Amino acid sequence: MKELYTELVEFEKKLDATIVRKKLDIQEALGKPTKIRRTLRLFISNTVTPVDQQQELKSEDNAFDLNNNNAPSWTLKIEGKLLDSTNADDNSKKVEPTPKMTSFFRTVSVELDRDPSLYPEGNVIEWQKQPNSTTEYDKIEIKRKGDMNTNCRIMLHLDHNPQRYKLSPSLSDLLDAKVENKLQIVMGIWNYCKVHKLQDHEDKRIIRCDNRLAQLFGYPQVHFSQIPELINQHLTRPDPIVIDYTIR
């Protein structure tokens, strides 16, 4: 029974490796799909709600108080609009609904540069895309109390489909890429192995690592089915887009 189980596990590994190799070969033969580039334009602005001056005149002690409902406040607005493509006037093409701003982001966070002891509301505000949610927005608004100019950092984490990763320096140097999805990374390693003839002559699923791959994976040879797992240690989330803004 144990021998049968071992044979089944080995057969599953062979099948997985074969499927991955064939998939990579097909994608390589077809080439990369044509990409349509469009521009998402972001508008960052803020409005201010001043303290009620009539209320100030009625009070002898009109010192600034954050707990007062009449305290001055500001609203930070992050708006986005997808610009029309160059083929927008082609009436023969099917017109699809325009994606909303938040559909392009996984997380939008704002860090406020102000004294936390004076503002108990907190200096970090974050919007996260909820799993299985279909609701998207063209605008995010953040309202806080305050009467002074405030510097902030707006960080936008893109929502890639398929998920893209930032490559470690060694993997980036090997593939000549800084950010890529996992399939393209495995395909790049597969092409590297073919170009440098690193496949075992008898078992093509075995990769005999050269110095660069040995340093990357930590082994003198690897099974091709191991590569998707071995590269995980070299992948991290891509850096966010950062916008500095002063709320005035």
C-alpha atoms as a PDB file:
ATOM      1  CA  MET A   1       0.000   0.000   0.000  1.00  0.00           C
ATOM      2  CA  LYS A   2       2.850   2.350   0.868  1.00  0.00           C
ATOM      3  CA  GLU A   3       4.562   1.641  -2.447  1.00  0.00           C
ATOM      4  CA  LEU A   4       1.343   2.397  -4.326  1.00  0.00           C
ATOM      5  CA  TYR A   5       0.986   5.714  -2.483  1.00  0.00           C
ATOM      6  CA  THR A   6       4.592   6.623  -3.327  1.00  0.00           C
ATOM      7  CA  GLU A   7       4.001   5.796  -6.981  1.00  0.00           C
ATOM      8  CA  LEU A   8       0.863   7.934  -7.058  1.00  0.00           C
ATOM      9  CA  VAL A   9       2.675  10.902  -5.498  1.00  0.00           C
ATOM     10  CA  GLU A  10       5.499  10.566  -8.009  1.00  0.00           C
ATOM     11  CA  PHE A  11       3.021  10.304 -10.881  1.00  0.00           C
ATOM     12  CA  GLU A  12       1.245  13.463  -9.664  1.00  0.00           C
ATOM     13  CA  LYS A  13       4.559  15.348  -9.605  1.00  0.00           C
ATOM     14  CA  LYS A  14       5.337  14.220 -13.140  1.00  0.00           C
ATOM     15  CA  LEU A  15       1.874  15.239 -14.321  1.00  0.00           C
ATOM     16  CA  ASP A  16       2.126  18.700 -12.692  1.00  0.00           C
ATOM     17  CA  ALA A  17       5.553  19.291 -14.218  1.00  0.00           C
ATOM     18  CA  THR A  18       4.356  18.222 -17.658  1.00  0.00           C
ATOM     19  CA  ILE A  19       1.297  20.480 -17.505  1.00  0.00           C
ATOM     20  CA  VAL A  20       3.372  23.493 -16.434  1.00  0.00           C
ATOM     21  CA  ARG A  21       5.987  22.889 -19.161  1.00  0.00           C
ATOM     22  CA  LYS A  22       3.345  22.479 -21.866  1.00  0.00           C
ATOM     23  CA  LYS A  23       1.519  25.582 -20.708  1.00  0.00           C
ATOM     24  CA  LEU A  24       4.740  27.592 -20.853  1.00  0.00           C
ATOM     25  CA  ASP A  25       5.569  26.221 -24.304  1.00  0.00           C
ATOM     26  CA  ILE A  26       2.119  27.178 -25.613  1.00  0.00           C
ATOM     27  CA  GLN A  27       2.331  30.691 -24.169  1.00  0.00           C
ATOM     28  CA  GLU A  28       5.817  31.113 -25.602  1.00  0.00           C
ATOM     29  CA  ALA A  29       4.581  30.011 -29.020  1.00  0.00           C
ATOM     30  CA  LEU A  30       1.592  32.338 -28.976  1.00  0.00           C
ATOM     31  CA  GLY A  31       3.601  35.259 -27.668  1.00  0.00           C
ATOM     32  CA  LYS A  32       2.401  37.897 -25.272  1.00  0.00           C
ATOM     33  CA  PRO A  33      -1.159  39.148 -25.776  1.00  0.00           C
ATOM     34  CA  THR A  34      -1.719  42.641 -27.110  1.00  0.00           C
ATOM     35  CA  LYS A  35      -2.043  45.129 -24.271  1.00  0.00           C
ATOM     36  CA  ILE A  36      -4.318  48.156 -24.412  1.00  0.00           C
ATOM     37  CA  ARG A  37      -2.914  51.064 -22.434  1.00  0.00           C
ATOM     38  CA  ARG A  38      -5.226  53.687 -20.971  1.00  0.00           C
ATOM     39  CA  THR A  39      -4.571  56.502 -18.539  1.00  0.00           C
ATOM     40  CA  LEU A  40      -6.169  56.853 -15.128  1.00  0.00           C
ATOM     41  CA  ARG A  41      -6.019  60.502 -14.099  1.00  0.00           C
ATOM     42  CA  LEU A  42      -6.171  61.265 -10.391  1.00  0.00           C
ATOM     43  CA  PHE A  43      -7.429  64.527  -8.885  1.00  0.00           C
ATOM     44  CA  ILE A  44      -6.356  65.328  -5.317  1.00  0.00           C
ATOM     45  CA  SER A  45      -8.099  68.261  -3.617  1.00  0.00           C
ATOM     46  CA  ASN A  46      -9.513  69.399  -0.309  1.00  0.00           C
ATOM     47  CA  THR A  47     -12.302  71.596   0.948  1.00  0.00           C
ATOM     48  CA  VAL A  48     -12.516  73.418   4.286  1.00  0.00           C
ATOM     49  CA  THR A  49     -15.467  74.004   6.579  1.00  0.00           C
ATOM     50  CA  PRO A  50     -14.602  76.992   8.833  1.00  0.00           C
ATOM     51  CA  VAL A  51     -15.932  77.492  12.315  1.00  0.00           C
ATOM     52  CA  ASP A  52     -19.321  79.208  12.510  1.00  0.00           C
ATOM     53  CA  GLN A  53     -18.377  82.882  13.036  1.00  0.00           C
ATOM     54  CA  GLN A  54     -21.803  83.763  14.435  1.00  0.00           C
ATOM     55  CA  GLN A  55     -21.349  81.027  17.044  1.00  0.00           C
ATOM     56  CA  GLU A  56     -17.957  82.508  17.960  1.00  0.00           C
ATOM     57  CA  LEU A  57     -19.484  85.922  18.589  1.00  0.00           C
ATOM     58  CA  LYS A  58     -22.057  84.442  20.945  1.00  0.00           C
ATOM     59  CA  SER A  59     -19.397  82.850  23.131  1.00  0.00           C
ATOM     60  CA  GLU A  60     -16.990  84.786  25.320  1.00  0.00           C
ATOM     61  CA  ASP A  61     -14.646  81.789  25.554  1.00  0.00           C
ATOM     62  CA  ASN A  62     -14.270  80.865  21.908  1.00  0.00           C
ATOM     63  CA  ALA A  63     -11.023  78.886  22.172  1.00  0.00           C
ATOM     64  CA  PHE A  64     -10.515  76.197  19.586  1.00  0.00           C
ATOM     65  CA  ASP A  65     -12.085  72.917  20.710  1.00  0.00           C
ATOM     66  CA  LEU A  66     -11.975  69.721  18.624  1.00  0.00           C
ATOM     67  CA  ASN A  67     -14.869  68.287  20.588  1.00  0.00           C
ATOM     68  CA  ASN A  68     -17.097  71.158  19.555  1.00  0.00           C
ATOM     69  CA  ASN A  69     -19.461  70.286  16.705  1.00  0.00           C
ATOM     70  CA  ASN A  70     -18.794  73.727  15.264  1.00  0.00           C
ATOM     71  CA  ALA A  71     -15.013  73.169  15.119  1.00  0.00           C
ATOM     72  CA  PRO A  72     -13.402  73.810  11.720  1.00  0.00           C
ATOM     73  CA  SER A  73     -12.785  70.738   9.572  1.00  0.00           C
ATOM     74  CA  TRP A  74     -11.463  69.713   6.176  1.00  0.00           C
ATOM     75  CA  THR A  75     -12.349  67.044   3.625  1.00  0.00           C
ATOM     76  CA  LEU A  76      -9.659  65.371   1.502  1.00  0.00           C
ATOM     77  CA  LYS A  77     -10.910  64.124  -1.866  1.00  0.00           C
ATOM     78  CA  ILE A  78      -9.192  61.490  -4.015  1.00  0.00           C
ATOM     79  CA  GLU A  79     -10.954  61.254  -7.359  1.00  0.00           C
ATOM     80  CA  GLY A  80     -10.091  59.272 -10.471  1.00  0.00           C
ATOM     81  CA  LYS A  81     -11.191  59.232 -14.086  1.00  0.00           C
ATOM     82  CA  LEU A  82     -10.192  56.784 -16.808  1.00  0.00           C
ATOM     83  CA  LEU A  83      -9.402  58.801 -19.912  1.00  0.00           C
ATOM     84  CA  ASP A  84     -10.867  57.772 -23.252  1.00  0.00           C
ATOM     85  CA  SER A  85      -8.649  55.586 -25.420  1.00  0.00           C
ATOM     86  CA  THR A  86      -7.515  56.650 -28.877  1.00  0.00           C
ATOM     87  CA  ASN A  87     -10.112  54.329 -30.398  1.00  0.00           C
ATOM     88  CA  ALA A  88     -13.008  55.783 -28.431  1.00  0.00           C
ATOM     89  CA  ASP A  89     -14.558  57.252 -31.608  1.00  0.00           C
ATOM     90  CA  ASP A  90     -14.703  53.878 -33.351  1.00  0.00           C
ATOM     91  CA  ASN A  91     -18.456  53.214 -33.307  1.00  0.00           C
ATOM     92  CA  SER A  92     -17.973  49.736 -34.731  1.00  0.00           C
ATOM     93  CA  LYS A  93     -16.498  48.517 -31.447  1.00  0.00           C
ATOM     94  CA  LYS A  94     -18.604  47.484 -28.524  1.00  0.00           C
ATOM     95  CA  VAL A  95     -18.755  50.132 -25.799  1.00  0.00           C
ATOM     96  CA  GLU A  96     -18.030  48.635 -22.390  1.00  0.00           C
ATOM     97  CA  PRO A  97     -18.773  50.262 -19.008  1.00  0.00           C
ATOM     98  CA  THR A  98     -15.925  52.467 -17.793  1.00  0.00           C
ATOM     99  CA  PRO A  99     -14.211  50.956 -14.732  1.00  0.00           C
ATOM    100  CA  LYS A 100     -14.349  53.091 -11.599  1.00  0.00           C
ATOM    101  CA  MET A 101     -11.256  54.384  -9.830  1.00  0.00           C
ATOM    102  CA  THR A 102     -11.162  51.912  -6.940  1.00  0.00           C
ATOM    103  CA  SER A 103     -11.289  48.938  -9.333  1.00  0.00           C
ATOM    104  CA  PHE A 104      -7.601  49.609 -10.081  1.00  0.00           C
ATOM    105  CA  PHE A 105      -6.444  49.561  -6.451  1.00  0.00           C
ATOM    106  CA  ARG A 106      -6.165  46.935  -3.726  1.00  0.00           C
ATOM    107  CA  THR A 107      -5.549  49.458  -0.944  1.00  0.00           C
ATOM    108  CA  VAL A 108      -5.591  53.253  -0.665  1.00  0.00           C
ATOM    109  CA  SER A 109      -4.080  54.649   2.524  1.00  0.00           C
ATOM    110  CA  VAL A 110      -3.416  58.171   3.777  1.00  0.00           C
ATOM    111  CA  GLU A 111      -0.867  59.082   6.462  1.00  0.00           C
ATOM    112  CA  LEU A 112      -1.346  62.493   8.098  1.00  0.00           C
ATOM    113  CA  ASP A 113       1.623  64.387   9.512  1.00  0.00           C
ATOM    114  CA  ARG A 114       0.208  65.906  12.713  1.00  0.00           C
ATOM    115  CA  ASP A 115       0.526  65.617  16.466  1.00  0.00           C
ATOM    116  CA  PRO A 116      -1.395  62.462  17.537  1.00  0.00           C
ATOM    117  CA  SER A 117      -1.884  63.834  21.044  1.00  0.00           C
ATOM    118  CA  LEU A 118      -4.014  66.669  19.644  1.00  0.00           C
ATOM    119  CA  TYR A 119      -6.002  64.571  17.169  1.00  0.00           C
ATOM    120  CA  PRO A 120      -7.456  61.387  18.723  1.00  0.00           C
ATOM    121  CA  GLU A 121      -9.096  60.418  15.412  1.00  0.00           C
ATOM    122  CA  GLY A 122      -5.817  58.844  14.284  1.00  0.00           C
ATOM    123  CA  ASN A 123      -3.353  59.765  11.565  1.00  0.00           C
ATOM    124  CA  VAL A 124      -3.659  56.700   9.324  1.00  0.00           C
ATOM    125  CA  ILE A 125      -6.775  56.157   7.209  1.00  0.00           C
ATOM    126  CA  GLU A 126      -7.054  53.134   4.945  1.00  0.00           C
ATOM    127  CA  TRP A 127      -9.528  51.895   2.350  1.00  0.00           C
ATOM    128  CA  GLN A 128      -9.272  48.211   1.441  1.00  0.00           C
ATOM    129  CA  LYS A 129     -11.011  46.321  -1.307  1.00  0.00           C
ATOM    130  CA  GLN A 130     -13.325  43.777   0.279  1.00  0.00           C
ATOM    131  CA  PRO A 131     -13.245  40.159  -0.961  1.00  0.00           C
ATOM    132  CA  ASN A 132     -16.109  39.266  -3.317  1.00  0.00           C
ATOM    133  CA  SER A 133     -17.344  42.873  -3.298  1.00  0.00           C
ATOM    134  CA  THR A 134     -18.552  44.290  -6.618  1.00  0.00           C
ATOM    135  CA  THR A 135     -19.046  47.861  -5.374  1.00  0.00           C
ATOM    136  CA  GLU A 136     -16.486  50.329  -6.749  1.00  0.00           C
ATOM    137  CA  TYR A 137     -16.146  54.103  -6.407  1.00  0.00           C
ATOM    138  CA  ASP A 138     -14.875  57.047  -8.430  1.00  0.00           C
ATOM    139  CA  LYS A 139     -14.076  59.053  -5.295  1.00  0.00           C
ATOM    140  CA  ILE A 140     -12.776  58.548  -1.764  1.00  0.00           C
ATOM    141  CA  GLU A 141     -13.411  61.273   0.815  1.00  0.00           C
ATOM    142  CA  ILE A 142     -11.762  61.660   4.216  1.00  0.00           C
ATOM    143  CA  LYS A 143     -13.113  64.217   6.697  1.00  0.00           C
ATOM    144  CA  ARG A 144     -11.228  65.317   9.802  1.00  0.00           C
ATOM    145  CA  LYS A 145     -11.284  68.235  12.255  1.00  0.00           C
ATOM    146  CA  GLY A 146      -8.474  70.762  12.190  1.00  0.00           C
ATOM    147  CA  ASP A 147      -7.538  74.367  11.391  1.00  0.00           C
ATOM    148  CA  MET A 148      -3.890  74.045  10.258  1.00  0.00           C
ATOM    149  CA  ASN A 149      -2.132  73.062   7.042  1.00  0.00           C
ATOM    150  CA  THR A 150      -1.425  69.323   7.142  1.00  0.00           C
ATOM    151  CA  ASN A 151       1.055  67.357   5.046  1.00  0.00           C
ATOM    152  CA  CYS A 152      -0.037  63.871   4.031  1.00  0.00           C
ATOM    153  CA  ARG A 153       1.196  60.882   2.043  1.00  0.00           C
ATOM    154  CA  ILE A 154      -1.304  59.104  -0.189  1.00  0.00           C
ATOM    155  CA  MET A 155      -0.242  55.519  -0.970  1.00  0.00           C
ATOM    156  CA  LEU A 156      -1.956  53.625  -3.774  1.00  0.00           C
ATOM    157  CA  HIS A 157      -1.439  49.855  -3.995  1.00  0.00           C
ATOM    158  CA  LEU A 158      -2.377  48.633  -7.471  1.00  0.00           C
ATOM    159  CA  ASP A 159      -4.667  45.629  -7.824  1.00  0.00           C
ATOM    160  CA  HIS A 160      -3.057  43.508 -10.556  1.00  0.00           C
ATOM    161  CA  ASN A 161      -4.833  40.612 -12.204  1.00  0.00           C
ATOM    162  CA  PRO A 162      -3.010  38.280 -12.313  1.00  0.00           C
ATOM    163  CA  GLN A 163      -1.127  39.302  -9.175  1.00  0.00           C
ATOM    164  CA  ARG A 164       2.260  40.876  -9.867  1.00  0.00           C
ATOM    165  CA  TYR A 165       5.263  40.718  -7.562  1.00  0.00           C
ATOM    166  CA  LYS A 166       8.427  42.690  -6.923  1.00  0.00           C
ATOM    167  CA  LEU A 167      11.449  40.506  -7.668  1.00  0.00           C
ATOM    168  CA  SER A 168      14.475  40.200  -5.399  1.00  0.00           C
ATOM    169  CA  PRO A 169      17.715  41.729  -6.793  1.00  0.00           C
ATOM    170  CA  SER A 170      19.147  38.306  -7.762  1.00  0.00           C
ATOM    171  CA  LEU A 171      15.976  37.153  -9.532  1.00  0.00           C
ATOM    172  CA  SER A 172      15.513  40.580 -11.124  1.00  0.00           C
ATOM    173  CA  ASP A 173      19.050  40.422 -12.503  1.00  0.00           C
ATOM    174  CA  LEU A 174      18.465  36.920 -13.889  1.00  0.00           C
ATOM    175  CA  LEU A 175      15.225  37.820 -15.709  1.00  0.00           C
ATOM    176  CA  ASP A 176      15.951  41.511 -16.408  1.00  0.00           C
ATOM    177  CA  ALA A 177      12.610  42.474 -14.827  1.00  0.00           C
ATOM    178  CA  LYS A 178      11.646  44.228 -11.595  1.00  0.00           C
ATOM    179  CA  VAL A 179       7.911  43.461 -11.363  1.00  0.00           C
ATOM    180  CA  GLU A 180       6.151  40.508 -12.990  1.00  0.00           C
ATOM    181  CA  ASN A 181       3.412  37.924 -12.479  1.00  0.00           C
ATOM    182  CA  LYS A 182       4.264  34.412 -11.355  1.00  0.00           C
ATOM    183  CA  LEU A 183       3.582  32.686 -14.666  1.00  0.00           C
ATOM    184  CA  GLN A 184       5.909  35.038 -16.536  1.00  0.00           C
ATOM    185  CA  ILE A 185       8.580  34.523 -13.863  1.00  0.00           C
ATOM    186  CA  VAL A 186       8.415  30.725 -14.207  1.00  0.00           C
ATOM    187  CA  MET A 187       8.403  31.089 -18.001  1.00  0.00           C
ATOM    188  CA  GLY A 188      11.483  33.312 -17.806  1.00  0.00           C
ATOM    189  CA  ILE A 189      13.346  30.732 -15.707  1.00  0.00           C
ATOM    190  CA  TRP A 190      12.208  28.002 -18.105  1.00  0.00           C
ATOM    191  CA  ASN A 191      13.598  29.942 -21.074  1.00  0.00           C
ATOM    192  CA  TYR A 192      16.831  30.577 -19.176  1.00  0.00           C
ATOM    193  CA  CYS A 193      17.226  26.841 -18.555  1.00  0.00           C
ATOM    194  CA  LYS A 194      16.606  26.023 -22.233  1.00  0.00           C
ATOM    195  CA  VAL A 195      19.016  28.663 -23.532  1.00  0.00           C
ATOM    196  CA  HIS A 196      21.776  27.517 -21.174  1.00  0.00           C
ATOM    197  CA  LYS A 197      20.968  23.804 -21.721  1.00  0.00           C
ATOM    198  CA  LEU A 198      20.473  23.087 -18.009  1.00  0.00           C
ATOM    199  CA  GLN A 199      17.968  20.238 -18.429  1.00  0.00           C
ATOM    200  CA  ASP A 200      19.129  16.747 -17.568  1.00  0.00           C
ATOM    201  CA  HIS A 201      19.748  14.703 -20.716  1.00  0.00           C
ATOM    202  CA  GLU A 202      17.703  11.733 -19.501  1.00  0.00           C
ATOM    203  CA  ASP A 203      15.012  13.423 -17.414  1.00  0.00           C
ATOM    204  CA  LYS A 204      14.044  16.810 -18.863  1.00  0.00           C
ATOM    205  CA  ARG A 205      12.157  17.667 -15.662  1.00  0.00           C
ATOM    206  CA  ILE A 206      15.424  17.871 -13.725  1.00  0.00           C
ATOM    207  CA  ILE A 207      17.222  21.232 -13.870  1.00  0.00           C
ATOM    208  CA  ARG A 208      20.964  21.092 -13.218  1.00  0.00           C
ATOM    209  CA  CYS A 209      21.612  24.542 -11.789  1.00  0.00           C
ATOM    210  CA  ASP A 210      24.460  26.720 -12.949  1.00  0.00           C
ATOM    211  CA  ASN A 211      26.070  29.114 -10.460  1.00  0.00           C
ATOM    212  CA  ARG A 212      23.315  31.736 -10.768  1.00  0.00           C
ATOM    213  CA  LEU A 213      20.452  29.288 -10.260  1.00  0.00           C
ATOM    214  CA  ALA A 214      22.308  27.475  -7.475  1.00  0.00           C
ATOM    215  CA  GLN A 215      22.669  30.761  -5.586  1.00  0.00           C
ATOM    216  CA  LEU A 216      19.026  31.604  -6.321  1.00  0.00           C
ATOM    217  CA  PHE A 217      17.508  28.297  -5.201  1.00  0.00           C
ATOM    218  CA  GLY A 218      20.179  27.008  -2.821  1.00  0.00           C
ATOM    219  CA  TYR A 219      20.411  23.576  -4.522  1.00  0.00           C
ATOM    220  CA  PRO A 220      22.715  22.091  -7.189  1.00  0.00           C
ATOM    221  CA  GLN A 221      19.694  20.695  -9.019  1.00  0.00           C
ATOM    222  CA  VAL A 222      15.912  21.052  -8.742  1.00  0.00           C
ATOM    223  CA  HIS A 223      12.834  19.388 -10.141  1.00  0.00           C
ATOM    224  CA  PHE A 224      10.931  21.702 -12.462  1.00  0.00           C
ATOM    225  CA  SER A 225       7.756  21.285 -10.374  1.00  0.00           C
ATOM    226  CA  GLN A 226       9.616  22.811  -7.390  1.00  0.00           C
ATOM    227  CA  ILE A 227      10.329  26.129  -9.106  1.00  0.00           C
ATOM    228  CA  PRO A 228       6.948  27.860  -8.399  1.00  0.00           C
ATOM    229  CA  GLU A 229       7.473  27.219  -4.679  1.00  0.00           C
ATOM    230  CA  LEU A 230      11.197  28.016  -4.630  1.00  0.00           C
ATOM    231  CA  ILE A 231      10.714  31.469  -6.146  1.00  0.00           C
ATOM    232  CA  ASN A 232       8.301  32.537  -3.382  1.00  0.00           C
ATOM    233  CA  GLN A 233      11.198  33.618  -1.170  1.00  0.00           C
ATOM    234  CA  HIS A 234      12.230  36.079  -3.905  1.00  0.00           C
ATOM    235  CA  LEU A 235       8.803  37.717  -4.315  1.00  0.00           C
ATOM    236  CA  THR A 236       7.261  40.599  -2.380  1.00  0.00           C
ATOM    237  CA  ARG A 237       4.368  43.008  -2.896  1.00  0.00           C
ATOM    238  CA  PRO A 238       5.145  45.793  -5.408  1.00  0.00           C
ATOM    239  CA  ASP A 239       5.898  49.245  -4.001  1.00  0.00           C
ATOM    240  CA  PRO A 240       2.868  51.554  -3.864  1.00  0.00           C
ATOM    241  CA  ILE A 241       2.427  54.740  -5.847  1.00  0.00           C
ATOM    242  CA  VAL A 242       3.100  57.580  -3.381  1.00  0.00           C
ATOM    243  CA  ILE A 243       1.654  61.087  -3.722  1.00  0.00           C
ATOM    244  CA  ASP A 244       2.646  63.878  -1.314  1.00  0.00           C
ATOM    245  CA  TYR A 245      -0.059  66.469  -0.728  1.00  0.00           C
ATOM    246  CA  THR A 246      -0.613  69.417   1.606  1.00  0.00           C
ATOM    247  CA  ILE A 247      -4.122  69.923   2.946  1.00  0.00           C
ATOM    248  CA  ARG A 248      -4.514  73.712   3.114  1.00  0.00           C
END
